[in-house]
Protein backbone atom coordinates (compact mmCIF):
# COMPACT_ATOMS: atom_id res chain seq x y z
CA UNK A 1 18.87 -66.23 54.18
CA UNK A 2 15.09 -66.31 53.77
CA UNK A 3 14.94 -62.71 55.05
CA UNK A 4 17.50 -61.56 52.43
CA UNK A 5 15.54 -63.20 49.57
CA UNK A 6 12.38 -61.45 50.72
CA UNK A 7 14.15 -58.04 50.61
CA UNK A 8 15.49 -58.75 47.09
CA UNK A 9 12.03 -59.61 45.76
CA UNK A 10 10.57 -56.44 47.34
CA UNK A 11 13.28 -54.28 45.73
CA UNK A 12 12.57 -55.77 42.29
CA UNK A 13 8.85 -55.14 42.66
CA UNK A 14 9.47 -51.48 43.62
CA UNK A 15 11.75 -50.93 40.58
CA UNK A 16 9.15 -52.39 38.20
CA UNK A 17 6.48 -50.15 39.72
CA UNK A 18 8.64 -47.01 39.27
CA UNK A 19 9.42 -47.85 35.63
CA UNK A 20 5.74 -48.37 34.88
CA UNK A 21 4.95 -44.94 36.35
CA UNK A 22 7.31 -43.27 33.83
CA UNK A 23 5.35 -44.47 30.78
CA UNK A 24 2.77 -42.38 28.95
CA UNK A 25 -0.73 -42.06 30.39
CA UNK A 26 -3.80 -42.36 28.21
CA UNK A 27 -4.31 -38.57 28.29
CA UNK A 28 -0.78 -37.99 26.96
CA UNK A 29 -0.94 -40.46 24.07
CA UNK A 30 -1.85 -39.01 20.70
CA UNK A 31 -4.21 -40.64 18.23
CA UNK A 32 -1.20 -42.10 16.43
CA UNK A 33 -0.19 -43.96 19.57
CA UNK A 34 3.02 -42.01 20.24
CA UNK A 35 3.84 -40.72 23.67
CA UNK A 36 4.10 -37.05 22.49
CA UNK A 37 1.48 -34.42 23.22
CA UNK A 38 -0.57 -33.51 20.15
CA UNK A 39 -0.01 -29.85 19.03
CA UNK A 40 -2.82 -27.39 19.60
CA UNK A 41 -4.18 -26.15 16.26
CA UNK A 42 -4.59 -22.41 15.65
CA UNK A 43 -8.23 -21.32 15.27
CA UNK A 44 -9.20 -21.38 11.59
CA UNK A 45 -11.12 -18.11 11.77
CA UNK A 46 -8.24 -16.05 13.19
CA UNK A 47 -7.73 -12.78 11.27
CA UNK A 48 -6.28 -9.43 12.26
CA UNK A 49 -8.87 -6.88 13.33
CA UNK A 50 -9.75 -4.50 10.54
CA UNK A 51 -7.85 -6.46 7.89
CA UNK A 52 -10.30 -9.26 7.15
CA UNK A 53 -8.75 -10.57 3.96
CA UNK A 54 -9.29 -9.25 0.46
CA UNK A 55 -11.45 -9.86 -2.57
CA UNK A 56 -10.01 -13.33 -3.05
CA UNK A 57 -11.47 -14.41 0.29
CA UNK A 58 -14.96 -13.11 -0.52
CA UNK A 59 -14.78 -9.78 1.33
CA UNK A 60 -15.47 -6.30 -0.01
CA UNK A 61 -11.78 -5.46 -0.46
CA UNK A 62 -10.07 -5.21 -3.84
CA UNK A 63 -7.57 -7.93 -4.70
CA UNK A 64 -3.80 -7.48 -4.85
CA UNK A 65 -3.93 -7.70 -8.65
CA UNK A 66 -6.58 -4.98 -8.88
CA UNK A 67 -4.71 -2.45 -6.77
CA UNK A 68 -1.47 -3.16 -8.65
CA UNK A 69 -3.23 -2.26 -11.89
CA UNK A 70 -4.63 0.95 -10.36
CA UNK A 71 -1.12 2.04 -9.34
CA UNK A 72 0.43 1.05 -12.66
CA UNK A 73 -2.23 2.91 -14.66
CA UNK A 74 -1.63 6.06 -12.63
CA UNK A 75 2.14 5.75 -13.11
CA UNK A 76 1.70 5.08 -16.86
CA UNK A 77 3.67 1.84 -16.68
CA UNK A 78 3.22 -1.78 -17.72
CA UNK A 79 3.67 -4.54 -15.14
CA UNK A 80 6.50 -6.02 -17.23
CA UNK A 81 8.44 -2.76 -16.81
CA UNK A 82 8.45 -2.73 -13.00
CA UNK A 83 9.71 -4.71 -10.02
CA UNK A 84 7.18 -4.99 -7.21
CA UNK A 85 8.52 -4.79 -3.67
CA UNK A 86 5.27 -5.09 -1.74
CA UNK A 87 1.47 -5.03 -1.95
CA UNK A 88 0.29 -5.02 1.66
CA UNK A 89 -3.16 -4.54 3.18
CA UNK A 90 -3.10 -2.15 6.14
CA UNK A 91 -5.48 -0.22 8.38
CA UNK A 92 -5.04 3.53 8.88
CA UNK A 93 -7.32 6.14 10.49
CA UNK A 94 -10.32 3.82 10.52
CA UNK A 95 -10.08 2.60 6.91
CA UNK A 96 -8.50 -0.33 5.10
CA UNK A 97 -5.92 0.60 2.50
CA UNK A 98 -3.21 -1.03 0.39
CA UNK A 99 0.45 0.03 0.48
CA UNK A 100 1.90 -0.58 -2.98
CA UNK A 101 5.62 -0.13 -3.65
CA UNK A 102 7.58 -0.83 -6.82
CA UNK A 103 10.58 0.25 -8.92
CA UNK A 104 10.92 1.17 -12.57
CA UNK A 105 14.55 1.72 -13.48
CA UNK A 106 15.99 3.95 -10.76
CA UNK A 107 12.61 5.42 -9.82
CA UNK A 108 10.73 4.26 -6.73
CA UNK A 109 6.93 4.54 -6.52
CA UNK A 110 4.87 4.35 -3.32
CA UNK A 111 1.07 4.33 -3.38
CA UNK A 112 -1.64 4.22 -0.74
CA UNK A 113 -4.92 3.00 -2.24
CA UNK A 114 -8.33 2.68 -0.57
CA UNK A 115 -8.98 -1.07 -0.24
CA UNK A 116 -12.70 -0.73 -1.01
CA UNK A 117 -13.11 2.08 -3.56
CA UNK A 118 -9.69 1.94 -5.23
CA UNK A 119 -9.21 5.69 -4.66
CA UNK A 120 -5.56 6.77 -4.69
CA UNK A 121 -4.96 8.35 -1.28
CA UNK A 122 -1.31 9.24 -1.73
CA UNK A 123 1.49 8.91 -4.27
CA UNK A 124 5.22 9.32 -3.75
CA UNK A 125 7.76 9.08 -6.56
CA UNK A 126 11.51 9.38 -6.02
CA UNK A 127 14.37 9.19 -8.48
CA UNK A 128 16.97 7.19 -6.56
CA UNK A 129 19.91 8.34 -8.67
CA UNK A 130 20.34 11.35 -10.93
CA UNK A 131 22.93 12.11 -13.59
CA UNK A 132 22.34 15.43 -15.36
CA UNK A 133 22.86 15.30 -19.11
CA UNK A 134 25.84 17.27 -20.33
CA UNK A 135 24.95 20.54 -22.00
CA UNK A 136 21.24 20.30 -21.17
CA UNK A 137 19.48 23.37 -22.50
CA UNK A 138 17.18 25.38 -20.29
CA UNK A 139 13.68 26.07 -21.53
CA UNK A 140 13.67 29.54 -20.03
CA UNK A 141 16.53 30.98 -22.04
CA UNK A 142 18.95 30.88 -19.10
CA UNK A 143 21.00 27.83 -20.13
CA UNK A 144 24.19 29.41 -18.90
CA UNK A 145 22.94 29.54 -15.33
CA UNK A 146 21.17 26.15 -15.53
CA UNK A 147 18.07 27.58 -13.87
CA UNK A 148 14.64 27.46 -15.51
CA UNK A 149 13.16 29.92 -13.00
CA UNK A 150 10.17 29.79 -10.63
CA UNK A 151 7.49 30.27 -13.29
CA UNK A 152 8.74 27.32 -15.37
CA UNK A 153 9.08 25.13 -12.25
CA UNK A 154 5.46 25.92 -11.28
CA UNK A 155 4.27 25.10 -14.79
CA UNK A 156 6.16 21.79 -14.82
CA UNK A 157 4.41 20.72 -11.60
CA UNK A 158 0.99 21.89 -12.78
CA UNK A 159 1.34 20.11 -16.12
CA UNK A 160 2.21 16.85 -14.36
CA UNK A 161 -0.77 17.22 -12.01
CA UNK A 162 -3.08 18.07 -14.92
CA UNK A 163 -4.12 21.37 -13.36
CA UNK A 164 -4.02 25.05 -14.30
CA UNK A 165 -2.71 27.82 -12.07
CA UNK A 166 -6.22 29.22 -11.58
CA UNK A 167 -7.30 25.87 -10.08
CA UNK A 168 -4.78 25.80 -7.25
CA UNK A 169 -3.51 27.68 -4.22
CA UNK A 170 0.27 27.85 -4.06
CA UNK A 171 1.90 27.44 -0.66
CA UNK A 172 5.52 27.76 -1.74
CA UNK A 173 7.86 27.80 -4.71
CA UNK A 174 11.43 27.97 -3.48
CA UNK A 175 14.88 27.13 -4.77
CA UNK A 176 17.12 24.74 -2.87
CA UNK A 177 20.10 22.40 -3.25
CA UNK A 178 19.57 18.64 -2.88
CA UNK A 179 22.43 16.13 -3.26
CA UNK A 180 24.56 18.76 -4.98
CA UNK A 181 22.00 19.84 -7.58
CA UNK A 182 19.78 22.89 -7.81
CA UNK A 183 16.06 22.11 -7.42
CA UNK A 184 12.73 23.85 -6.96
CA UNK A 185 10.38 22.74 -4.21
CA UNK A 186 6.80 23.41 -5.28
CA UNK A 187 3.81 22.92 -2.99
CA UNK A 188 0.16 23.71 -3.71
CA UNK A 189 -3.42 22.70 -2.91
CA UNK A 190 -6.30 21.80 -5.16
CA UNK A 191 -9.48 21.57 -3.09
CA UNK A 192 -8.54 19.40 -0.13
CA UNK A 193 -5.69 17.66 -1.96
CA UNK A 194 -2.05 18.53 -1.31
CA UNK A 195 0.70 18.28 -3.94
CA UNK A 196 4.46 18.45 -3.31
CA UNK A 197 6.99 18.50 -6.15
CA UNK A 198 10.76 18.61 -6.48
CA UNK A 199 11.72 19.98 -9.89
CA UNK A 200 15.21 19.96 -11.41
CA UNK A 201 16.22 23.58 -11.98
CA UNK A 202 18.42 22.58 -14.93
CA UNK A 203 15.72 21.20 -17.24
CA UNK A 204 12.37 21.13 -15.40
CA UNK A 205 12.29 17.33 -14.99
CA UNK A 206 10.31 15.98 -12.05
CA UNK A 207 12.64 14.45 -9.48
CA UNK A 208 9.95 13.55 -6.95
CA UNK A 209 6.32 14.22 -6.21
CA UNK A 210 3.89 13.51 -3.40
CA UNK A 211 0.11 13.63 -3.55
CA UNK A 212 -2.17 13.34 -0.51
CA UNK A 213 -5.95 13.22 -0.41
CA UNK A 214 -6.53 15.14 2.80
CA UNK A 215 -10.17 14.06 3.02
CA UNK A 216 -12.66 12.05 1.01
CA UNK A 217 -15.56 14.49 0.89
CA UNK A 218 -16.00 18.07 1.97
CA UNK A 219 -19.10 18.65 4.12
CA UNK A 220 -19.51 22.15 2.72
CA UNK A 221 -20.00 22.93 -0.95
CA UNK A 222 -19.39 26.67 -0.64
CA UNK A 223 -16.19 28.46 0.26
CA UNK A 224 -17.70 30.04 3.37
CA UNK A 225 -15.65 29.90 6.56
CA UNK A 226 -16.50 27.37 9.23
CA UNK A 227 -17.12 28.67 12.74
CA UNK A 228 -15.44 27.12 15.78
CA UNK A 229 -18.80 25.71 16.93
CA UNK A 230 -19.45 24.13 13.53
CA UNK A 231 -15.93 22.70 13.48
CA UNK A 232 -16.43 21.22 16.95
CA UNK A 233 -19.64 19.47 15.88
CA UNK A 234 -17.93 18.16 12.74
CA UNK A 235 -15.13 16.74 14.90
CA UNK A 236 -17.57 15.05 17.30
CA UNK A 237 -19.58 13.65 14.38
CA UNK A 238 -16.46 12.26 12.72
CA UNK A 239 -15.42 10.60 16.00
CA UNK A 240 -18.93 9.23 16.59
CA UNK A 241 -19.26 10.71 20.10
CA UNK A 242 -21.97 12.69 21.87
CA UNK A 243 -21.06 16.11 23.22
CA UNK A 244 -22.73 15.25 26.54
CA UNK A 245 -20.11 12.51 27.09
CA UNK A 246 -17.13 14.76 26.30
CA UNK A 247 -14.81 16.08 29.00
CA UNK A 248 -11.51 18.01 29.10
CA UNK A 249 -12.24 19.67 25.75
CA UNK A 250 -9.48 21.92 24.38
CA UNK A 251 -9.68 23.99 21.19
CA UNK A 252 -7.07 26.03 19.35
CA UNK A 253 -6.49 27.48 15.88
CA UNK A 254 -3.32 27.01 13.88
CA UNK A 255 -1.88 27.56 10.41
CA UNK A 256 -0.79 24.34 8.75
CA UNK A 257 0.69 24.25 5.22
CA UNK A 258 -0.78 27.62 4.35
CA UNK A 259 -4.28 27.05 5.71
CA UNK A 260 -6.09 27.72 8.97
CA UNK A 261 -7.25 24.71 10.98
CA UNK A 262 -9.14 24.16 14.22
CA UNK A 263 -7.41 21.78 16.60
CA UNK A 264 -9.55 19.87 19.12
CA UNK A 265 -8.59 17.51 21.92
CA UNK A 266 -11.00 15.81 24.31
CA UNK A 267 -11.69 12.66 26.31
CA UNK A 268 -14.60 10.24 26.51
CA UNK A 269 -14.16 7.69 29.24
CA UNK A 270 -10.60 6.36 28.96
CA UNK A 271 -10.28 7.29 25.28
CA UNK A 272 -8.40 10.41 24.20
CA UNK A 273 -9.26 12.08 20.86
CA UNK A 274 -7.57 14.70 18.69
CA UNK A 275 -8.98 16.16 15.48
CA UNK A 276 -8.05 18.95 13.07
CA UNK A 277 -10.75 20.64 10.96
CA UNK A 278 -10.07 22.87 7.95
CA UNK A 279 -11.44 26.31 8.82
CA UNK A 280 -12.40 27.03 5.20
CA UNK A 281 -14.02 23.78 4.05
CA UNK A 282 -14.86 21.86 7.22
CA UNK A 283 -12.83 18.89 5.99
CA UNK A 284 -11.20 16.58 8.54
CA UNK A 285 -7.46 17.16 8.13
CA UNK A 286 -6.33 14.63 10.76
CA UNK A 287 -7.90 12.41 13.40
CA UNK A 288 -6.48 10.22 16.16
CA UNK A 289 -7.84 8.35 19.15
CA UNK A 290 -6.01 6.47 21.84
CA UNK A 291 -7.18 4.42 24.82
CA UNK A 292 -5.25 5.25 28.00
């Protein structure tokens, strides 16, 4: 009997010990006294590389409001007349830029704007729906055919761009059908800037346009051709590499959008580079680098 009582007391002591071991330890108890682990706070200084805020956080970048006004001024619209879809800070080809997108009526506008200088890098405007007006007269005297002709289509694009024909180099002016309507596709260059237009053949209205600043500054002020050696040095300088460190260099020439370009590819360490240089101006047309 005494032996059985001793076993019972021992069993009770073991159960109490096990229950005590299941409680929270001092290292697991939060400052509030609960038994839950305290969450780990995210570092306060965490920002994405290359996108370190905007003007509102004290950096050199323009604010959202400033870039919206730049886009609206270029489009000739008031903020009350548009619906904004996005104003987003991004990083592209080594520079910070804003992507701005908005609607006015059935027209969609897309802008890329340099986040520091406010320079418009590209513009894209698209009319989402199109209903031709009945009996629209042609301004070229060919109302019956509904076709204004190439010359009028060119002039419509030039007038919108604020340029004269002597200022530009035309790449193409061709007639096409898009969504069941006759259009003219007009493409030309002014300096290092590329313009693409889609013009309604019926009345010369602008259905869409695209503007791209191919480079910020041209390293050559004259129109003299750039040699392959000069182009190579321009590519290395743009990439910030020394020729002595370069290996597996490949060079080729190509015609892109009506102009001649030098194409370079090379490696430095584990990084692979590619660069295109305009053979006439020495401007950097495109640049990429990738770490293997």
